Amino acid sequence: MSTYLTIAQIIVAIALIATVLLQVRGGGLGGIFGQPDTVYRTRRGIERTLLRLTIILAVLFIIFAIWTVRLST
């Protein structure tokens, strides 16, 4: 059981990394040097889907991590 849980956690971690990297920030390098982001945008379409998927994957990762710790003790 522990092996399957570890494999599932690795798969969720890779998917979480991919969804975070796919998200477009839109600010560019201007935000690093103090340029204010004056344009307000709402998330639509794929951006909203990626955001929700990222949240779901993060919650799953935390659940798997807690479950792994509980089974190992």
PDB file of N, CA and C in Angstrom:
ATOM      1  N   MET A   1       0.827  -1.203   0.000  1.00  0.00           N
ATOM      2  CA  MET A   1       0.000   0.000   0.000  1.00  0.00           C
ATOM      3  C   MET A   1       0.865   1.258   0.000  1.00  0.00           C
ATOM      4  N   SER A   2       1.956   1.216   0.761  1.00  0.00           N
ATOM      5  CA  SER A   2       2.831   2.371   0.861  1.00  0.00           C
ATOM      6  C   SER A   2       3.490   2.694  -0.478  1.00  0.00           C
ATOM      7  N   THR A   3       3.817   1.666  -1.246  1.00  0.00           N
ATOM      8  CA  THR A   3       4.444   1.883  -2.551  1.00  0.00           C
ATOM      9  C   THR A   3       3.484   2.583  -3.503  1.00  0.00           C
ATOM     10  N   TYR A   4       2.243   2.140  -3.526  1.00  0.00           N
ATOM     11  CA  TYR A   4       1.248   2.781  -4.398  1.00  0.00           C
ATOM     12  C   TYR A   4       0.997   4.227  -3.993  1.00  0.00           C
ATOM     13  N   LEU A   5       0.995   4.474  -2.711  1.00  0.00           N
ATOM     14  CA  LEU A   5       0.783   5.827  -2.207  1.00  0.00           C
ATOM     15  C   LEU A   5       1.949   6.739  -2.579  1.00  0.00           C
ATOM     16  N   THR A   6       3.163   6.212  -2.508  1.00  0.00           N
ATOM     17  CA  THR A   6       4.336   6.986  -2.882  1.00  0.00           C
ATOM     18  C   THR A   6       4.334   7.306  -4.374  1.00  0.00           C
ATOM     19  N   ILE A   7       3.974   6.331  -5.196  1.00  0.00           N
ATOM     20  CA  ILE A   7       3.894   6.553  -6.639  1.00  0.00           C
ATOM     21  C   ILE A   7       2.820   7.592  -6.963  1.00  0.00           C
ATOM     22  N   ALA A   8       1.677   7.505  -6.301  1.00  0.00           N
ATOM     23  CA  ALA A   8       0.609   8.482  -6.514  1.00  0.00           C
ATOM     24  C   ALA A   8       1.060   9.876  -6.105  1.00  0.00           C
ATOM     25  N   GLN A   9       1.801   9.973  -5.018  1.00  0.00           N
ATOM     26  CA  GLN A   9       2.283  11.272  -4.559  1.00  0.00           C
ATOM     27  C   GLN A   9       3.293  11.857  -5.549  1.00  0.00           C
ATOM     28  N   ILE A  10       4.132  11.041  -6.131  1.00  0.00           N
ATOM     29  CA  ILE A  10       5.089  11.513  -7.127  1.00  0.00           C
ATOM     30  C   ILE A  10       4.369  12.010  -8.374  1.00  0.00           C
ATOM     31  N   ILE A  11       3.357  11.283  -8.807  1.00  0.00           N
ATOM     32  CA  ILE A  11       2.589  11.687  -9.990  1.00  0.00           C
ATOM     33  C   ILE A  11       1.868  13.008  -9.734  1.00  0.00           C
ATOM     34  N   VAL A  12       1.273  13.154  -8.554  1.00  0.00           N
ATOM     35  CA  VAL A  12       0.589  14.403  -8.214  1.00  0.00           C
ATOM     36  C   VAL A  12       1.594  15.550  -8.127  1.00  0.00           C
ATOM     37  N   ALA A  13       2.777  15.290  -7.597  1.00  0.00           N
ATOM     38  CA  ALA A  13       3.798  16.333  -7.493  1.00  0.00           C
ATOM     39  C   ALA A  13       4.246  16.806  -8.874  1.00  0.00           C
ATOM     40  N   ILE A  14       4.449  15.883  -9.797  1.00  0.00           N
ATOM     41  CA  ILE A  14       4.847  16.249 -11.158  1.00  0.00           C
ATOM     42  C   ILE A  14       3.740  17.047 -11.847  1.00  0.00           C
ATOM     43  N   ALA A  15       2.496  16.622 -11.667  1.00  0.00           N
ATOM     44  CA  ALA A  15       1.370  17.351 -12.263  1.00  0.00           C
ATOM     45  C   ALA A  15       1.242  18.740 -11.650  1.00  0.00           C
ATOM     46  N   LEU A  16       1.480  18.862 -10.354  1.00  0.00           N
ATOM     47  CA  LEU A  16       1.413  20.158  -9.682  1.00  0.00           C
ATOM     48  C   LEU A  16       2.497  21.091 -10.202  1.00  0.00           C
ATOM     49  N   ILE A  17       3.689  20.587 -10.382  1.00  0.00           N
ATOM     50  CA  ILE A  17       4.781  21.390 -10.931  1.00  0.00           C
ATOM     51  C   ILE A  17       4.428  21.865 -12.338  1.00  0.00           C
ATOM     52  N   ALA A  18       3.867  20.970 -13.145  1.00  0.00           N
ATOM     53  CA  ALA A  18       3.517  21.318 -14.519  1.00  0.00           C
ATOM     54  C   ALA A  18       2.440  22.399 -14.562  1.00  0.00           C
ATOM     55  N   THR A  19       1.417  22.293 -13.714  1.00  0.00           N
ATOM     56  CA  THR A  19       0.351  23.302 -13.733  1.00  0.00           C
ATOM     57  C   THR A  19       0.842  24.657 -13.253  1.00  0.00           C
ATOM     58  N   VAL A  20       1.745  24.663 -12.289  1.00  0.00           N
ATOM     59  CA  VAL A  20       2.286  25.941 -11.817  1.00  0.00           C
ATOM     60  C   VAL A  20       3.133  26.580 -12.914  1.00  0.00           C
ATOM     61  N   LEU A  21       3.921  25.785 -13.614  1.00  0.00           N
ATOM     62  CA  LEU A  21       4.764  26.336 -14.675  1.00  0.00           C
ATOM     63  C   LEU A  21       3.963  26.791 -15.890  1.00  0.00           C
ATOM     64  N   LEU A  22       2.798  26.225 -16.112  1.00  0.00           N
ATOM     65  CA  LEU A  22       1.984  26.595 -17.265  1.00  0.00           C
ATOM     66  C   LEU A  22       1.191  27.879 -17.062  1.00  0.00           C
ATOM     67  N   GLN A  23       1.072  28.315 -15.827  1.00  0.00           N
ATOM     68  CA  GLN A  23       0.293  29.523 -15.564  1.00  0.00           C
ATOM     69  C   GLN A  23       1.055  30.746 -16.045  1.00  0.00           C
ATOM     70  N   VAL A  24       0.342  31.638 -16.723  1.00  0.00           N
ATOM     71  CA  VAL A  24       0.931  32.866 -17.246  1.00  0.00           C
ATOM     72  C   VAL A  24       0.745  33.956 -16.207  1.00  0.00           C
ATOM     73  N   ARG A  25       1.806  34.632 -15.884  1.00  0.00           N
ATOM     74  CA  ARG A  25       1.718  35.674 -14.874  1.00  0.00           C
ATOM     75  C   ARG A  25       1.299  37.003 -15.486  1.00  0.00           C
ATOM     76  N   GLY A  26       1.775  37.355 -16.669  1.00  0.00           N
ATOM     77  CA  GLY A  26       1.328  38.553 -17.350  1.00  0.00           C
ATOM     78  C   GLY A  26       2.048  39.832 -16.967  1.00  0.00           C
ATOM     79  N   GLY A  27       2.747  39.874 -15.848  1.00  0.00           N
ATOM     80  CA  GLY A  27       3.404  41.090 -15.412  1.00  0.00           C
ATOM     81  C   GLY A  27       4.757  41.305 -16.043  1.00  0.00           C
ATOM     82  N   GLY A  28       5.417  40.263 -16.445  1.00  0.00           N
ATOM     83  CA  GLY A  28       6.744  40.396 -17.012  1.00  0.00           C
ATOM     84  C   GLY A  28       7.768  40.748 -15.948  1.00  0.00           C
ATOM     85  N   LEU A  29       8.875  41.328 -16.376  1.00  0.00           N
ATOM     86  CA  LEU A  29       9.944  41.691 -15.451  1.00  0.00           C
ATOM     87  C   LEU A  29       9.717  43.046 -14.796  1.00  0.00           C
ATOM     88  N   GLY A  30       8.696  43.777 -15.246  1.00  0.00           N
ATOM     89  CA  GLY A  30       8.438  45.099 -14.681  1.00  0.00           C
ATOM     90  C   GLY A  30       8.096  45.048 -13.204  1.00  0.00           C
ATOM     91  N   GLY A  31       7.404  44.009 -12.769  1.00  0.00           N
ATOM     92  CA  GLY A  31       7.034  43.882 -11.370  1.00  0.00           C
ATOM     93  C   GLY A  31       8.215  43.666 -10.449  1.00  0.00           C
ATOM     94  N   ILE A  32       9.288  43.101 -10.969  1.00  0.00           N
ATOM     95  CA  ILE A  32      10.479  42.856 -10.154  1.00  0.00           C
ATOM     96  C   ILE A  32      11.148  44.177  -9.782  1.00  0.00           C
ATOM     97  N   PHE A  33      11.155  45.128 -10.713  1.00  0.00           N
ATOM     98  CA  PHE A  33      11.856  46.384 -10.505  1.00  0.00           C
ATOM     99  C   PHE A  33      10.954  47.507 -10.009  1.00  0.00           C
ATOM    100  N   GLY A  34       9.760  47.192  -9.562  1.00  0.00           N
ATOM    101  CA  GLY A  34       8.907  48.184  -8.938  1.00  0.00           C
ATOM    102  C   GLY A  34       7.860  48.818  -9.822  1.00  0.00           C
ATOM    103  N   GLN A  35       7.760  48.410 -11.066  1.00  0.00           N
ATOM    104  CA  GLN A  35       6.730  48.962 -11.937  1.00  0.00           C
ATOM    105  C   GLN A  35       5.376  48.408 -11.509  1.00  0.00           C
ATOM    106  N   PRO A  36       4.421  49.277 -11.190  1.00  0.00           N
ATOM    107  CA  PRO A  36       3.127  48.775 -10.707  1.00  0.00           C
ATOM    108  C   PRO A  36       2.324  48.118 -11.832  1.00  0.00           C
ATOM    109  N   ASP A  37       1.595  47.108 -11.463  1.00  0.00           N
ATOM    110  CA  ASP A  37       0.715  46.427 -12.409  1.00  0.00           C
ATOM    111  C   ASP A  37      -0.645  47.102 -12.339  1.00  0.00           C
ATOM    112  N   THR A  38      -0.914  47.990 -13.273  1.00  0.00           N
ATOM    113  CA  THR A  38      -2.126  48.801 -13.206  1.00  0.00           C
ATOM    114  C   THR A  38      -3.307  48.161 -13.914  1.00  0.00           C
ATOM    115  N   VAL A  39      -3.096  47.096 -14.634  1.00  0.00           N
ATOM    116  CA  VAL A  39      -4.174  46.463 -15.389  1.00  0.00           C
ATOM    117  C   VAL A  39      -4.743  45.322 -14.560  1.00  0.00           C
ATOM    118  N   TYR A  40      -6.035  45.375 -14.325  1.00  0.00           N
ATOM    119  CA  TYR A  40      -6.713  44.303 -13.596  1.00  0.00           C
ATOM    120  C   TYR A  40      -7.380  43.380 -14.597  1.00  0.00           C
ATOM    121  N   ARG A  41      -7.074  42.098 -14.490  1.00  0.00           N
ATOM    122  CA  ARG A  41      -7.663  41.118 -15.401  1.00  0.00           C
ATOM    123  C   ARG A  41      -8.375  40.040 -14.580  1.00  0.00           C
ATOM    124  N   THR A  42      -9.435  39.541 -15.138  1.00  0.00           N
ATOM    125  CA  THR A  42     -10.077  38.386 -14.531  1.00  0.00           C
ATOM    126  C   THR A  42      -9.576  37.138 -15.239  1.00  0.00           C
ATOM    127  N   ARG A  43      -9.573  36.055 -14.505  1.00  0.00           N
ATOM    128  CA  ARG A  43      -9.126  34.792 -15.089  1.00  0.00           C
ATOM    129  C   ARG A  43     -10.278  34.186 -15.870  1.00  0.00           C
ATOM    130  N   ARG A  44      -9.993  33.819 -17.108  1.00  0.00           N
ATOM    131  CA  ARG A  44     -11.020  33.229 -17.954  1.00  0.00           C
ATOM    132  C   ARG A  44     -10.459  32.018 -18.674  1.00  0.00           C
ATOM    133  N   GLY A  45     -11.347  31.131 -19.016  1.00  0.00           N
ATOM    134  CA  GLY A  45     -10.986  29.993 -19.847  1.00  0.00           C
ATOM    135  C   GLY A  45      -9.944  29.096 -19.220  1.00  0.00           C
ATOM    136  N   ILE A  46      -8.841  28.922 -19.940  1.00  0.00           N
ATOM    137  CA  ILE A  46      -7.805  27.985 -19.512  1.00  0.00           C
ATOM    138  C   ILE A  46      -7.099  28.469 -18.253  1.00  0.00           C
ATOM    139  N   GLU A  47      -6.994  29.784 -18.058  1.00  0.00           N
ATOM    140  CA  GLU A  47      -6.355  30.302 -16.845  1.00  0.00           C
ATOM    141  C   GLU A  47      -7.141  29.900 -15.601  1.00  0.00           C
ATOM    142  N   ARG A  48      -8.450  30.003 -15.666  1.00  0.00           N
ATOM    143  CA  ARG A  48      -9.295  29.624 -14.536  1.00  0.00           C
ATOM    144  C   ARG A  48      -9.197  28.121 -14.280  1.00  0.00           C
ATOM    145  N   THR A  49      -9.193  27.344 -15.357  1.00  0.00           N
ATOM    146  CA  THR A  49      -9.080  25.897 -15.228  1.00  0.00           C
ATOM    147  C   THR A  49      -7.746  25.504 -14.608  1.00  0.00           C
ATOM    148  N   LEU A  50      -6.660  26.139 -15.055  1.00  0.00           N
ATOM    149  CA  LEU A  50      -5.344  25.840 -14.484  1.00  0.00           C
ATOM    150  C   LEU A  50      -5.273  26.230 -13.015  1.00  0.00           C
ATOM    151  N   LEU A  51      -5.884  27.343 -12.650  1.00  0.00           N
ATOM    152  CA  LEU A  51      -5.885  27.761 -11.252  1.00  0.00           C
ATOM    153  C   LEU A  51      -6.617  26.744 -10.386  1.00  0.00           C
ATOM    154  N   ARG A  52      -7.784  26.330 -10.819  1.00  0.00           N
ATOM    155  CA  ARG A  52      -8.556  25.349 -10.050  1.00  0.00           C
ATOM    156  C   ARG A  52      -7.836  24.012  -9.977  1.00  0.00           C
ATOM    157  N   LEU A  53      -7.224  23.593 -11.088  1.00  0.00           N
ATOM    158  CA  LEU A  53      -6.477  22.338 -11.103  1.00  0.00           C
ATOM    159  C   LEU A  53      -5.271  22.409 -10.174  1.00  0.00           C
ATOM    160  N   THR A  54      -4.619  23.557 -10.116  1.00  0.00           N
ATOM    161  CA  THR A  54      -3.484  23.738  -9.219  1.00  0.00           C
ATOM    162  C   THR A  54      -3.919  23.616  -7.763  1.00  0.00           C
ATOM    163  N   ILE A  55      -5.042  24.210  -7.436  1.00  0.00           N
ATOM    164  CA  ILE A  55      -5.545  24.132  -6.057  1.00  0.00           C
ATOM    165  C   ILE A  55      -5.905  22.697  -5.699  1.00  0.00           C
ATOM    166  N   ILE A  56      -6.575  22.012  -6.601  1.00  0.00           N
ATOM    167  CA  ILE A  56      -6.965  20.620  -6.353  1.00  0.00           C
ATOM    168  C   ILE A  56      -5.738  19.731  -6.182  1.00  0.00           C
ATOM    169  N   LEU A  57      -4.749  19.914  -7.048  1.00  0.00           N
ATOM    170  CA  LEU A  57      -3.534  19.098  -6.959  1.00  0.00           C
ATOM    171  C   LEU A  57      -2.754  19.392  -5.684  1.00  0.00           C
ATOM    172  N   ALA A  58      -2.741  20.649  -5.253  1.00  0.00           N
ATOM    173  CA  ALA A  58      -2.052  20.987  -4.007  1.00  0.00           C
ATOM    174  C   ALA A  58      -2.727  20.335  -2.809  1.00  0.00           C
ATOM    175  N   VAL A  59      -4.050  20.352  -2.798  1.00  0.00           N
ATOM    176  CA  VAL A  59      -4.785  19.704  -1.698  1.00  0.00           C
ATOM    177  C   VAL A  59      -4.546  18.198  -1.715  1.00  0.00           C
ATOM    178  N   LEU A  60      -4.577  17.592  -2.904  1.00  0.00           N
ATOM    179  CA  LEU A  60      -4.296  16.157  -3.008  1.00  0.00           C
ATOM    180  C   LEU A  60      -2.887  15.821  -2.534  1.00  0.00           C
ATOM    181  N   PHE A  61      -1.921  16.653  -2.889  1.00  0.00           N
ATOM    182  CA  PHE A  61      -0.545  16.417  -2.466  1.00  0.00           C
ATOM    183  C   PHE A  61      -0.427  16.452  -0.947  1.00  0.00           C
ATOM    184  N   ILE A  62      -1.082  17.412  -0.324  1.00  0.00           N
ATOM    185  CA  ILE A  62      -1.041  17.520   1.139  1.00  0.00           C
ATOM    186  C   ILE A  62      -1.718  16.313   1.786  1.00  0.00           C
ATOM    187  N   ILE A  63      -2.847  15.892   1.230  1.00  0.00           N
ATOM    188  CA  ILE A  63      -3.549  14.720   1.763  1.00  0.00           C
ATOM    189  C   ILE A  63      -2.687  13.475   1.651  1.00  0.00           C
ATOM    190  N   PHE A  64      -2.056  13.283   0.477  1.00  0.00           N
ATOM    191  CA  PHE A  64      -1.179  12.124   0.295  1.00  0.00           C
ATOM    192  C   PHE A  64       0.015  12.175   1.243  1.00  0.00           C
ATOM    193  N   ALA A  65       0.570  13.369   1.471  1.00  0.00           N
ATOM    194  CA  ALA A  65       1.709  13.503   2.374  1.00  0.00           C
ATOM    195  C   ALA A  65       1.316  13.135   3.807  1.00  0.00           C
ATOM    196  N   ILE A  66       0.165  13.620   4.244  1.00  0.00           N
ATOM    197  CA  ILE A  66      -0.292  13.292   5.597  1.00  0.00           C
ATOM    198  C   ILE A  66      -0.600  11.808   5.718  1.00  0.00           C
ATOM    199  N   TRP A  67      -1.223  11.254   4.690  1.00  0.00           N
ATOM    200  CA  TRP A  67      -1.560   9.837   4.688  1.00  0.00           C
ATOM    201  C   TRP A  67      -0.300   8.965   4.722  1.00  0.00           C
ATOM    202  N   THR A  68       0.731   9.373   3.999  1.00  0.00           N
ATOM    203  CA  THR A  68       1.989   8.640   3.992  1.00  0.00           C
ATOM    204  C   THR A  68       2.631   8.640   5.367  1.00  0.00           C
ATOM    205  N   VAL A  69       2.615   9.793   6.027  1.00  0.00           N
ATOM    206  CA  VAL A  69       3.197   9.898   7.367  1.00  0.00           C
ATOM    207  C   VAL A  69       2.406   9.041   8.352  1.00  0.00           C
ATOM    208  N   ARG A  70       1.094   9.056   8.234  1.00  0.00           N
ATOM    209  CA  ARG A  70       0.258   8.258   9.152  1.00  0.00           C
ATOM    210  C   ARG A  70       0.510   6.761   8.980  1.00  0.00           C
ATOM    211  N   LEU A  71       0.692   6.314   7.738  1.00  0.00           N
ATOM    212  CA  LEU A  71       0.927   4.886   7.497  1.00  0.00           C
ATOM    213  C   LEU A  71       2.332   4.449   7.885  1.00  0.00           C
ATOM    214  N   SER A  72       3.289   5.363   7.870  1.00  0.00           N
ATOM    215  CA  SER A  72       4.653   4.976   8.168  1.00  0.00           C
ATOM    216  C   SER A  72       4.929   4.865   9.674  1.00  0.00           C
ATOM    217  N   THR A  73       4.052   5.442  10.498  1.00  0.00           N
ATOM    218  CA  THR A  73       4.284   5.363  11.944  1.00  0.00           C
ATOM    219  C   THR A  73       3.569   4.212  12.577  1.00  0.00           C
TER     220      THR A  73
END
